[in-house]
Amino acid sequence: MDIERLRQLCSLQSLEVTQDIDEVLHRLRNPLAEYAELELRSDGKHVDLITLSEDPNAVDEFLAILKDRGTPEADCAIMIALANFGAGCVVGMKLPIAGSVSGGEMYIRGAIPLSEVEYFLAQRGVGSEAIAQISGLAQIFEKDYTHILAADATSPPSFSVFFTTYLVPGDEERDRDRLQQALAKTGVTEDGIEKFLPLHRLLGASRPETLYFSWRIKDGKPTIGAKIDYAGVRLGLVSEMLTGIGVANQARLPIKWGTQLNVRQANYAGLVIGSHQPSGVRAYFTIPSTTH
């Protein structure tokens, strides 16, 4: 991976790459050779590196990096439990590589039955209110499984649950109603939903495509709001997303990232939706791997 390119991308938000960047890239070289992705955040707090692997050794290296950065054993233990629980699934690992180096995220990808997810979370302090909300969201999306289950390296523990829905031409009204119900379920106000819908009409117009709906549990309790990710979003629309949440001064940022990475679209782009309005944008860019 080209470290100089990473520095240039991060400098666009006045961020510096972490001091351990060489070590991180070396220890994760095997999974990064297969898949590497960068996350651009509208809040500019940090830039995250994401990779995927089914190799337990890669997971061990990721956890070792977290521990070397000072992550408490208890926080790492949650991730170890998640990796063990998801044995046989692809494991995603996300790590800050610019800005704040605290934290990290691990997620397991694959269809995991809802009953198993609920058991795992309940055994780790997630309360009945949050468990019931997971069931309610599953009913809205007509799923008996989750698509992704994630855990953050934080105290208290924080989990994210992902459901998917397939955007099919001609089903725009059904999709809109489903998202309205799901957002209302997570505590987003009617006004907040109305502010989200124009952006959804814009981003959901590309069909057929998969949409990801994720919702966070913190300290065992449900949180308000959600994140909705759209696949294959061209750079001009990522720019519109930033303008739509009130940070038009950042509208050129994804275009500059695209130029640096020689891409015309983000792999995924997500809207963070708070109680009263869309409040954040995330854009994910697959990056070419080079020998380091």
C-alpha atoms as a PDB file:
ATOM      1  CA  MET A   1       0.000   0.000   0.000  1.00  0.00           C
ATOM      2  CA  ASP A   2       1.285   3.452  -0.919  1.00  0.00           C
ATOM      3  CA  ILE A   3       1.926   5.335   2.329  1.00  0.00           C
ATOM      4  CA  GLU A   4       2.554   8.608   0.525  1.00  0.00           C
ATOM      5  CA  ARG A   5      -0.885   8.352  -1.049  1.00  0.00           C
ATOM      6  CA  LEU A   6      -2.385   7.765   2.390  1.00  0.00           C
ATOM      7  CA  ARG A   7      -0.629  10.881   3.679  1.00  0.00           C
ATOM      8  CA  GLN A   8      -1.975  12.952   0.808  1.00  0.00           C
ATOM      9  CA  LEU A   9      -5.537  11.750   1.334  1.00  0.00           C
ATOM     10  CA  CYS A  10      -5.429  12.369   5.074  1.00  0.00           C
ATOM     11  CA  SER A  11      -3.872  15.812   4.616  1.00  0.00           C
ATOM     12  CA  LEU A  12      -7.012  16.898   2.745  1.00  0.00           C
ATOM     13  CA  GLN A  13      -8.700  16.963   6.180  1.00  0.00           C
ATOM     14  CA  SER A  14      -5.582  18.295   7.917  1.00  0.00           C
ATOM     15  CA  LEU A  15      -4.937  14.893   9.483  1.00  0.00           C
ATOM     16  CA  GLU A  16      -1.604  13.134   9.891  1.00  0.00           C
ATOM     17  CA  VAL A  17      -1.187   9.377   9.568  1.00  0.00           C
ATOM     18  CA  THR A  18      -0.507   7.526  12.803  1.00  0.00           C
ATOM     19  CA  GLN A  19       3.053   6.991  13.980  1.00  0.00           C
ATOM     20  CA  ASP A  20       2.598   3.216  13.781  1.00  0.00           C
ATOM     21  CA  ILE A  21       1.393   3.216  10.161  1.00  0.00           C
ATOM     22  CA  ASP A  22       4.366   1.180   8.894  1.00  0.00           C
ATOM     23  CA  GLU A  23       3.817  -1.428  11.597  1.00  0.00           C
ATOM     24  CA  VAL A  24       0.063  -1.572  10.921  1.00  0.00           C
ATOM     25  CA  LEU A  25       0.531  -2.111   7.196  1.00  0.00           C
ATOM     26  CA  HIS A  26       3.186  -4.750   7.809  1.00  0.00           C
ATOM     27  CA  ARG A  27       1.182  -6.740  10.358  1.00  0.00           C
ATOM     28  CA  LEU A  28      -1.985  -6.657   8.250  1.00  0.00           C
ATOM     29  CA  ARG A  29      -0.172  -7.136   4.932  1.00  0.00           C
ATOM     30  CA  ASN A  30      -1.836 -10.467   4.113  1.00  0.00           C
ATOM     31  CA  PRO A  31      -5.491  -9.377   4.403  1.00  0.00           C
ATOM     32  CA  LEU A  32      -4.665  -5.973   2.892  1.00  0.00           C
ATOM     33  CA  ALA A  33      -3.232  -7.715  -0.161  1.00  0.00           C
ATOM     34  CA  GLU A  34      -6.716  -9.171  -0.718  1.00  0.00           C
ATOM     35  CA  TYR A  35      -8.919  -6.248   0.321  1.00  0.00           C
ATOM     36  CA  ALA A  36      -8.253  -2.683   1.478  1.00  0.00           C
ATOM     37  CA  GLU A  37     -10.728   0.146   1.957  1.00  0.00           C
ATOM     38  CA  LEU A  38     -10.581   3.654   3.412  1.00  0.00           C
ATOM     39  CA  GLU A  39     -13.427   5.412   5.206  1.00  0.00           C
ATOM     40  CA  LEU A  40     -13.894   9.146   4.677  1.00  0.00           C
ATOM     41  CA  ARG A  41     -15.876  10.815   7.490  1.00  0.00           C
ATOM     42  CA  SER A  42     -17.645  14.159   7.301  1.00  0.00           C
ATOM     43  CA  ASP A  43     -16.722  14.946  10.923  1.00  0.00           C
ATOM     44  CA  GLY A  44     -13.007  14.788  10.028  1.00  0.00           C
ATOM     45  CA  LYS A  45     -12.070  13.118  13.321  1.00  0.00           C
ATOM     46  CA  HIS A  46     -10.078  10.324  11.739  1.00  0.00           C
ATOM     47  CA  VAL A  47      -9.592   8.188   8.632  1.00  0.00           C
ATOM     48  CA  ASP A  48     -10.174   4.448   9.025  1.00  0.00           C
ATOM     49  CA  LEU A  49      -8.554   1.533   7.231  1.00  0.00           C
ATOM     50  CA  ILE A  50     -10.771  -1.507   6.643  1.00  0.00           C
ATOM     51  CA  THR A  51      -9.813  -5.009   5.611  1.00  0.00           C
ATOM     52  CA  LEU A  52     -11.480  -8.445   5.492  1.00  0.00           C
ATOM     53  CA  SER A  53     -10.229 -11.924   6.293  1.00  0.00           C
ATOM     54  CA  GLU A  54     -11.267 -15.438   7.246  1.00  0.00           C
ATOM     55  CA  ASP A  55      -7.803 -16.127   8.702  1.00  0.00           C
ATOM     56  CA  PRO A  56      -7.698 -16.247  12.543  1.00  0.00           C
ATOM     57  CA  ASN A  57      -4.076 -15.109  12.390  1.00  0.00           C
ATOM     58  CA  ALA A  58      -5.138 -11.836  10.786  1.00  0.00           C
ATOM     59  CA  VAL A  59      -7.644 -11.303  13.599  1.00  0.00           C
ATOM     60  CA  ASP A  60      -4.869 -11.946  16.148  1.00  0.00           C
ATOM     61  CA  GLU A  61      -2.639  -9.355  14.465  1.00  0.00           C
ATOM     62  CA  PHE A  62      -5.464  -6.816  14.471  1.00  0.00           C
ATOM     63  CA  LEU A  63      -6.078  -7.388  18.190  1.00  0.00           C
ATOM     64  CA  ALA A  64      -2.358  -7.116  18.887  1.00  0.00           C
ATOM     65  CA  ILE A  65      -2.292  -3.695  17.209  1.00  0.00           C
ATOM     66  CA  LEU A  66      -5.191  -2.546  19.402  1.00  0.00           C
ATOM     67  CA  LYS A  67      -3.423  -3.748  22.542  1.00  0.00           C
ATOM     68  CA  ASP A  68      -0.185  -2.042  21.502  1.00  0.00           C
ATOM     69  CA  ARG A  69      -2.179   1.167  21.125  1.00  0.00           C
ATOM     70  CA  GLY A  70      -3.387   0.844  24.712  1.00  0.00           C
ATOM     71  CA  THR A  71      -6.830  -0.688  24.200  1.00  0.00           C
ATOM     72  CA  PRO A  72      -7.934  -2.293  27.505  1.00  0.00           C
ATOM     73  CA  GLU A  73      -8.100  -6.088  27.705  1.00  0.00           C
ATOM     74  CA  ALA A  74     -11.833  -5.957  28.428  1.00  0.00           C
ATOM     75  CA  ASP A  75     -12.513  -4.087  25.184  1.00  0.00           C
ATOM     76  CA  CYS A  76     -10.421  -6.556  23.207  1.00  0.00           C
ATOM     77  CA  ALA A  77     -12.241  -9.436  24.924  1.00  0.00           C
ATOM     78  CA  ILE A  78     -15.541  -8.326  23.355  1.00  0.00           C
ATOM     79  CA  MET A  79     -13.946  -8.523  19.918  1.00  0.00           C
ATOM     80  CA  ILE A  80     -12.404 -11.923  20.634  1.00  0.00           C
ATOM     81  CA  ALA A  81     -15.834 -13.190  21.672  1.00  0.00           C
ATOM     82  CA  LEU A  82     -17.373 -11.787  18.471  1.00  0.00           C
ATOM     83  CA  ALA A  83     -14.690 -13.385  16.279  1.00  0.00           C
ATOM     84  CA  ASN A  84     -15.211 -16.732  18.001  1.00  0.00           C
ATOM     85  CA  PHE A  85     -18.993 -16.424  17.688  1.00  0.00           C
ATOM     86  CA  GLY A  86     -18.683 -15.709  13.972  1.00  0.00           C
ATOM     87  CA  ALA A  87     -16.296 -18.581  13.198  1.00  0.00           C
ATOM     88  CA  GLY A  88     -16.724 -19.470   9.527  1.00  0.00           C
ATOM     89  CA  CYS A  89     -17.803 -15.946   8.588  1.00  0.00           C
ATOM     90  CA  VAL A  90     -15.722 -13.260   6.935  1.00  0.00           C
ATOM     91  CA  VAL A  91     -14.326 -10.938   9.620  1.00  0.00           C
ATOM     92  CA  GLY A  92     -14.065  -7.221   8.950  1.00  0.00           C
ATOM     93  CA  MET A  93     -11.504  -5.121  10.836  1.00  0.00           C
ATOM     94  CA  LYS A  94     -11.526  -1.331  10.982  1.00  0.00           C
ATOM     95  CA  LEU A  95      -8.697   0.712  12.447  1.00  0.00           C
ATOM     96  CA  PRO A  96      -7.996   4.464  12.598  1.00  0.00           C
ATOM     97  CA  ILE A  97      -4.836   5.328  10.650  1.00  0.00           C
ATOM     98  CA  ALA A  98      -5.050   9.130  10.844  1.00  0.00           C
ATOM     99  CA  GLY A  99      -6.300  11.484  13.510  1.00  0.00           C
ATOM    100  CA  SER A 100      -7.407   9.920  16.777  1.00  0.00           C
ATOM    101  CA  VAL A 101      -5.964   6.408  17.140  1.00  0.00           C
ATOM    102  CA  SER A 102      -8.302   5.307  19.917  1.00  0.00           C
ATOM    103  CA  GLY A 103     -10.729   2.476  19.264  1.00  0.00           C
ATOM    104  CA  GLY A 104     -11.355   0.142  16.385  1.00  0.00           C
ATOM    105  CA  GLU A 105     -14.170  -2.048  15.127  1.00  0.00           C
ATOM    106  CA  MET A 106     -14.624  -5.688  14.241  1.00  0.00           C
ATOM    107  CA  TYR A 107     -17.580  -7.129  12.391  1.00  0.00           C
ATOM    108  CA  ILE A 108     -18.704 -10.501  11.140  1.00  0.00           C
ATOM    109  CA  ARG A 109     -20.376 -10.735   7.753  1.00  0.00           C
ATOM    110  CA  GLY A 110     -22.894 -13.403   6.880  1.00  0.00           C
ATOM    111  CA  ALA A 111     -26.447 -14.483   7.581  1.00  0.00           C
ATOM    112  CA  ILE A 112     -26.546 -15.194  11.322  1.00  0.00           C
ATOM    113  CA  PRO A 113     -29.947 -16.317  12.678  1.00  0.00           C
ATOM    114  CA  LEU A 114     -31.667 -13.684  14.771  1.00  0.00           C
ATOM    115  CA  SER A 115     -32.051 -16.017  17.745  1.00  0.00           C
ATOM    116  CA  GLU A 116     -28.274 -16.558  17.830  1.00  0.00           C
ATOM    117  CA  VAL A 117     -27.532 -12.827  17.590  1.00  0.00           C
ATOM    118  CA  GLU A 118     -29.982 -12.049  20.375  1.00  0.00           C
ATOM    119  CA  TYR A 119     -28.444 -14.718  22.601  1.00  0.00           C
ATOM    120  CA  PHE A 120     -24.903 -13.449  21.996  1.00  0.00           C
ATOM    121  CA  LEU A 121     -25.851  -9.866  22.792  1.00  0.00           C
ATOM    122  CA  ALA A 122     -27.965 -10.742  25.850  1.00  0.00           C
ATOM    123  CA  GLN A 123     -25.014 -12.676  27.306  1.00  0.00           C
ATOM    124  CA  ARG A 124     -22.925  -9.506  27.021  1.00  0.00           C
ATOM    125  CA  GLY A 125     -25.184  -7.109  28.820  1.00  0.00           C
ATOM    126  CA  VAL A 126     -27.589  -5.999  26.109  1.00  0.00           C
ATOM    127  CA  GLY A 127     -30.959  -5.373  27.738  1.00  0.00           C
ATOM    128  CA  SER A 128     -34.429  -6.521  26.795  1.00  0.00           C
ATOM    129  CA  GLU A 129     -35.403  -3.156  25.281  1.00  0.00           C
ATOM    130  CA  ALA A 130     -32.580  -3.311  22.744  1.00  0.00           C
ATOM    131  CA  ILE A 131     -33.225  -7.006  22.018  1.00  0.00           C
ATOM    132  CA  ALA A 132     -36.886  -6.205  21.354  1.00  0.00           C
ATOM    133  CA  GLN A 133     -35.864  -3.380  19.017  1.00  0.00           C
ATOM    134  CA  ILE A 134     -33.699  -5.777  17.002  1.00  0.00           C
ATOM    135  CA  SER A 135     -36.711  -8.062  16.595  1.00  0.00           C
ATOM    136  CA  GLY A 136     -38.867  -5.108  15.561  1.00  0.00           C
ATOM    137  CA  LEU A 137     -36.383  -3.995  12.897  1.00  0.00           C
ATOM    138  CA  ALA A 138     -36.080  -7.572  11.632  1.00  0.00           C
ATOM    139  CA  GLN A 139     -39.858  -7.693  11.147  1.00  0.00           C
ATOM    140  CA  ILE A 140     -39.818  -4.422   9.221  1.00  0.00           C
ATOM    141  CA  PHE A 141     -37.116  -5.726   6.875  1.00  0.00           C
ATOM    142  CA  GLU A 142     -38.709  -9.192   6.772  1.00  0.00           C
ATOM    143  CA  LYS A 143     -35.520 -10.897   7.957  1.00  0.00           C
ATOM    144  CA  ASP A 144     -34.879 -13.739  10.372  1.00  0.00           C
ATOM    145  CA  TYR A 145     -31.145 -13.047  10.373  1.00  0.00           C
ATOM    146  CA  THR A 146     -28.681 -10.151  10.507  1.00  0.00           C
ATOM    147  CA  HIS A 147     -26.313  -9.390   7.632  1.00  0.00           C
ATOM    148  CA  ILE A 148     -23.519  -7.910   9.786  1.00  0.00           C
ATOM    149  CA  LEU A 149     -22.894  -7.836  13.528  1.00  0.00           C
ATOM    150  CA  ALA A 150     -20.211  -5.430  14.759  1.00  0.00           C
ATOM    151  CA  ALA A 151     -18.480  -4.525  18.017  1.00  0.00           C
ATOM    152  CA  ASP A 152     -16.443  -1.420  18.872  1.00  0.00           C
ATOM    153  CA  ALA A 153     -13.343  -1.417  21.067  1.00  0.00           C
ATOM    154  CA  THR A 154     -14.952   0.926  23.603  1.00  0.00           C
ATOM    155  CA  SER A 155     -16.026   1.015  27.226  1.00  0.00           C
ATOM    156  CA  PRO A 156     -18.893   0.469  27.766  1.00  0.00           C
ATOM    157  CA  PRO A 157     -19.325  -2.039  24.897  1.00  0.00           C
ATOM    158  CA  SER A 158     -20.991  -0.822  21.722  1.00  0.00           C
ATOM    159  CA  PHE A 159     -22.550  -3.085  19.086  1.00  0.00           C
ATOM    160  CA  SER A 160     -24.046  -2.432  15.655  1.00  0.00           C
ATOM    161  CA  VAL A 161     -26.628  -4.603  13.928  1.00  0.00           C
ATOM    162  CA  PHE A 162     -27.042  -4.482  10.131  1.00  0.00           C
ATOM    163  CA  PHE A 163     -30.032  -5.472   8.042  1.00  0.00           C
ATOM    164  CA  THR A 164     -30.230  -5.292   4.260  1.00  0.00           C
ATOM    165  CA  THR A 165     -32.980  -4.690   1.764  1.00  0.00           C
ATOM    166  CA  TYR A 166     -32.829  -5.013  -1.996  1.00  0.00           C
ATOM    167  CA  LEU A 167     -33.864  -1.913  -3.931  1.00  0.00           C
ATOM    168  CA  VAL A 168     -35.848  -3.191  -6.899  1.00  0.00           C
ATOM    169  CA  PRO A 169     -37.123  -1.048  -9.790  1.00  0.00           C
ATOM    170  CA  GLY A 170     -40.813  -0.319  -9.275  1.00  0.00           C
ATOM    171  CA  ASP A 171     -40.729  -0.829  -5.485  1.00  0.00           C
ATOM    172  CA  GLU A 172     -39.743   2.719  -4.554  1.00  0.00           C
ATOM    173  CA  GLU A 173     -42.879   3.276  -2.432  1.00  0.00           C
ATOM    174  CA  ARG A 174     -42.403   0.016  -0.524  1.00  0.00           C
ATOM    175  CA  ASP A 175     -38.763   0.840   0.188  1.00  0.00           C
ATOM    176  CA  ARG A 176     -39.600   4.355   1.349  1.00  0.00           C
ATOM    177  CA  ASP A 177     -42.308   3.078   3.710  1.00  0.00           C
ATOM    178  CA  ARG A 178     -39.979   0.408   5.089  1.00  0.00           C
ATOM    179  CA  LEU A 179     -37.251   2.944   5.827  1.00  0.00           C
ATOM    180  CA  GLN A 180     -39.723   5.356   7.399  1.00  0.00           C
ATOM    181  CA  GLN A 181     -40.915   2.600   9.743  1.00  0.00           C
ATOM    182  CA  ALA A 182     -37.359   1.545  10.606  1.00  0.00           C
ATOM    183  CA  LEU A 183     -36.199   5.090  11.328  1.00  0.00           C
ATOM    184  CA  ALA A 184     -39.271   5.758  13.466  1.00  0.00           C
ATOM    185  CA  LYS A 185     -38.491   2.531  15.334  1.00  0.00           C
ATOM    186  CA  THR A 186     -35.038   3.886  16.189  1.00  0.00           C
ATOM    187  CA  GLY A 187     -36.446   7.161  17.521  1.00  0.00           C
ATOM    188  CA  VAL A 188     -36.001   9.473  14.525  1.00  0.00           C
ATOM    189  CA  THR A 189     -38.698  12.140  14.544  1.00  0.00           C
ATOM    190  CA  GLU A 190     -41.164  12.709  11.718  1.00  0.00           C
ATOM    191  CA  ASP A 191     -39.311  15.915  10.866  1.00  0.00           C
ATOM    192  CA  GLY A 192     -36.021  14.029  10.788  1.00  0.00           C
ATOM    193  CA  ILE A 193     -37.478  11.417   8.460  1.00  0.00           C
ATOM    194  CA  GLU A 194     -38.863  14.081   6.139  1.00  0.00           C
ATOM    195  CA  LYS A 195     -35.421  15.698   5.921  1.00  0.00           C
ATOM    196  CA  PHE A 196     -33.900  12.313   5.051  1.00  0.00           C
ATOM    197  CA  LEU A 197     -36.349  11.352   2.289  1.00  0.00           C
ATOM    198  CA  PRO A 198     -35.064  13.712  -0.468  1.00  0.00           C
ATOM    199  CA  LEU A 199     -31.563  12.283  -0.053  1.00  0.00           C
ATOM    200  CA  HIS A 200     -32.979   8.756  -0.126  1.00  0.00           C
ATOM    201  CA  ARG A 201     -34.835   9.478  -3.373  1.00  0.00           C
ATOM    202  CA  LEU A 202     -31.546  10.700  -4.818  1.00  0.00           C
ATOM    203  CA  LEU A 203     -29.369   7.838  -3.570  1.00  0.00           C
ATOM    204  CA  GLY A 204     -31.931   5.068  -3.911  1.00  0.00           C
ATOM    205  CA  ALA A 205     -32.680   5.829  -7.555  1.00  0.00           C
ATOM    206  CA  SER A 206     -29.924   3.459  -8.716  1.00  0.00           C
ATOM    207  CA  ARG A 207     -31.601   0.057  -8.882  1.00  0.00           C
ATOM    208  CA  PRO A 208     -31.295  -2.874  -8.537  1.00  0.00           C
ATOM    209  CA  GLU A 209     -28.948  -2.429  -5.580  1.00  0.00           C
ATOM    210  CA  THR A 210     -28.559  -3.461  -1.937  1.00  0.00           C
ATOM    211  CA  LEU A 211     -29.172  -1.000   0.901  1.00  0.00           C
ATOM    212  CA  TYR A 212     -27.671  -1.489   4.381  1.00  0.00           C
ATOM    213  CA  PHE A 213     -29.512  -0.287   7.488  1.00  0.00           C
ATOM    214  CA  SER A 214     -27.490  -0.303  10.706  1.00  0.00           C
ATOM    215  CA  TRP A 215     -28.379   0.613  14.238  1.00  0.00           C
ATOM    216  CA  ARG A 216     -26.198   0.922  17.337  1.00  0.00           C
ATOM    217  CA  ILE A 217     -26.512  -0.426  20.872  1.00  0.00           C
ATOM    218  CA  LYS A 218     -24.408   1.282  23.545  1.00  0.00           C
ATOM    219  CA  ASP A 219     -23.981   0.178  27.164  1.00  0.00           C
ATOM    220  CA  GLY A 220     -26.691  -2.411  26.584  1.00  0.00           C
ATOM    221  CA  LYS A 221     -29.285   0.178  25.600  1.00  0.00           C
ATOM    222  CA  PRO A 222     -30.792   1.254  22.266  1.00  0.00           C
ATOM    223  CA  THR A 223     -29.516   4.479  20.721  1.00  0.00           C
ATOM    224  CA  ILE A 224     -31.496   7.001  18.691  1.00  0.00           C
ATOM    225  CA  GLY A 225     -30.900   7.134  14.949  1.00  0.00           C
ATOM    226  CA  ALA A 226     -29.354   4.882  12.339  1.00  0.00           C
ATOM    227  CA  LYS A 227     -26.933   4.744   9.426  1.00  0.00           C
ATOM    228  CA  ILE A 228     -28.069   3.889   5.912  1.00  0.00           C
ATOM    229  CA  ASP A 229     -25.466   2.817   3.346  1.00  0.00           C
ATOM    230  CA  TYR A 230     -25.936   2.810  -0.425  1.00  0.00           C
ATOM    231  CA  ALA A 231     -23.706   0.856  -2.805  1.00  0.00           C
ATOM    232  CA  GLY A 232     -21.832   2.255  -5.797  1.00  0.00           C
ATOM    233  CA  VAL A 233     -22.415   5.983  -5.240  1.00  0.00           C
ATOM    234  CA  ARG A 234     -20.782   8.251  -7.803  1.00  0.00           C
ATOM    235  CA  LEU A 235     -18.603  11.044  -6.441  1.00  0.00           C
ATOM    236  CA  GLY A 236     -20.979  13.823  -7.453  1.00  0.00           C
ATOM    237  CA  LEU A 237     -23.687  12.317  -5.275  1.00  0.00           C
ATOM    238  CA  VAL A 238     -21.334  11.930  -2.308  1.00  0.00           C
ATOM    239  CA  SER A 239     -20.681  15.650  -2.765  1.00  0.00           C
ATOM    240  CA  GLU A 240     -24.453  16.276  -2.701  1.00  0.00           C
ATOM    241  CA  MET A 241     -24.735  14.236   0.504  1.00  0.00           C
ATOM    242  CA  LEU A 242     -22.211  16.519   2.195  1.00  0.00           C
ATOM    243  CA  THR A 243     -24.054  19.600   0.966  1.00  0.00           C
ATOM    244  CA  GLY A 244     -27.339  18.053   2.108  1.00  0.00           C
ATOM    245  CA  ILE A 245     -26.198  17.733   5.729  1.00  0.00           C
ATOM    246  CA  GLY A 246     -24.952  21.327   5.798  1.00  0.00           C
ATOM    247  CA  VAL A 247     -21.211  20.950   5.161  1.00  0.00           C
ATOM    248  CA  ALA A 248     -20.996  22.308   1.633  1.00  0.00           C
ATOM    249  CA  ASN A 249     -17.444  23.446   2.398  1.00  0.00           C
ATOM    250  CA  GLN A 250     -16.463  19.755   2.206  1.00  0.00           C
ATOM    251  CA  ALA A 251     -18.264  19.045  -1.057  1.00  0.00           C
ATOM    252  CA  ARG A 252     -15.009  18.904  -3.055  1.00  0.00           C
ATOM    253  CA  LEU A 253     -13.438  16.387  -0.664  1.00  0.00           C
ATOM    254  CA  PRO A 254     -14.774  13.120  -2.178  1.00  0.00           C
ATOM    255  CA  ILE A 255     -13.911  14.410  -5.654  1.00  0.00           C
ATOM    256  CA  LYS A 256     -10.304  14.966  -4.563  1.00  0.00           C
ATOM    257  CA  TRP A 257     -10.217  11.499  -2.996  1.00  0.00           C
ATOM    258  CA  GLY A 258     -11.491  10.071  -6.262  1.00  0.00           C
ATOM    259  CA  THR A 259      -8.761  11.831  -8.194  1.00  0.00           C
ATOM    260  CA  GLN A 260      -6.067  10.497  -5.853  1.00  0.00           C
ATOM    261  CA  LEU A 261      -7.441   6.949  -6.050  1.00  0.00           C
ATOM    262  CA  ASN A 262      -8.387   7.105  -9.733  1.00  0.00           C
ATOM    263  CA  VAL A 263     -12.022   6.133  -9.087  1.00  0.00           C
ATOM    264  CA  ARG A 264     -15.316   7.694 -10.129  1.00  0.00           C
ATOM    265  CA  GLN A 265     -17.493   6.370  -7.333  1.00  0.00           C
ATOM    266  CA  ALA A 266     -17.434   5.373  -3.688  1.00  0.00           C
ATOM    267  CA  ASN A 267     -17.775   1.676  -3.011  1.00  0.00           C
ATOM    268  CA  TYR A 268     -20.456   2.625  -0.471  1.00  0.00           C
ATOM    269  CA  ALA A 269     -21.714   5.901   0.929  1.00  0.00           C
ATOM    270  CA  GLY A 270     -23.667   6.217   4.146  1.00  0.00           C
ATOM    271  CA  LEU A 271     -25.923   8.753   5.821  1.00  0.00           C
ATOM    272  CA  VAL A 272     -25.841   9.012   9.606  1.00  0.00           C
ATOM    273  CA  ILE A 273     -29.326  10.031  10.698  1.00  0.00           C
ATOM    274  CA  GLY A 274     -29.872  11.602  14.098  1.00  0.00           C
ATOM    275  CA  SER A 275     -33.126  12.215  15.892  1.00  0.00           C
ATOM    276  CA  HIS A 276     -33.986  15.360  13.939  1.00  0.00           C
ATOM    277  CA  GLN A 277     -31.980  15.253  10.691  1.00  0.00           C
ATOM    278  CA  PRO A 278     -29.201  13.573   8.721  1.00  0.00           C
ATOM    279  CA  SER A 279     -26.087  14.545  10.640  1.00  0.00           C
ATOM    280  CA  GLY A 280     -23.123  12.776   9.045  1.00  0.00           C
ATOM    281  CA  VAL A 281     -21.723  11.218   5.885  1.00  0.00           C
ATOM    282  CA  ARG A 282     -19.398   8.253   5.479  1.00  0.00           C
ATOM    283  CA  ALA A 283     -17.835   7.276   2.151  1.00  0.00           C
ATOM    284  CA  TYR A 284     -15.899   4.066   1.576  1.00  0.00           C
ATOM    285  CA  PHE A 285     -13.255   3.730  -1.122  1.00  0.00           C
ATOM    286  CA  THR A 286     -11.634   0.460  -2.191  1.00  0.00           C
ATOM    287  CA  ILE A 287      -7.949   1.160  -2.709  1.00  0.00           C
ATOM    288  CA  PRO A 288      -5.452  -0.694  -4.884  1.00  0.00           C
ATOM    289  CA  SER A 289      -2.933  -2.815  -3.016  1.00  0.00           C
ATOM    290  CA  THR A 290       0.745  -2.439  -3.825  1.00  0.00           C
ATOM    291  CA  THR A 291       3.739  -4.186  -2.422  1.00  0.00           C
ATOM    292  CA  HIS A 292       4.943  -2.370   0.709  1.00  0.00           C
END
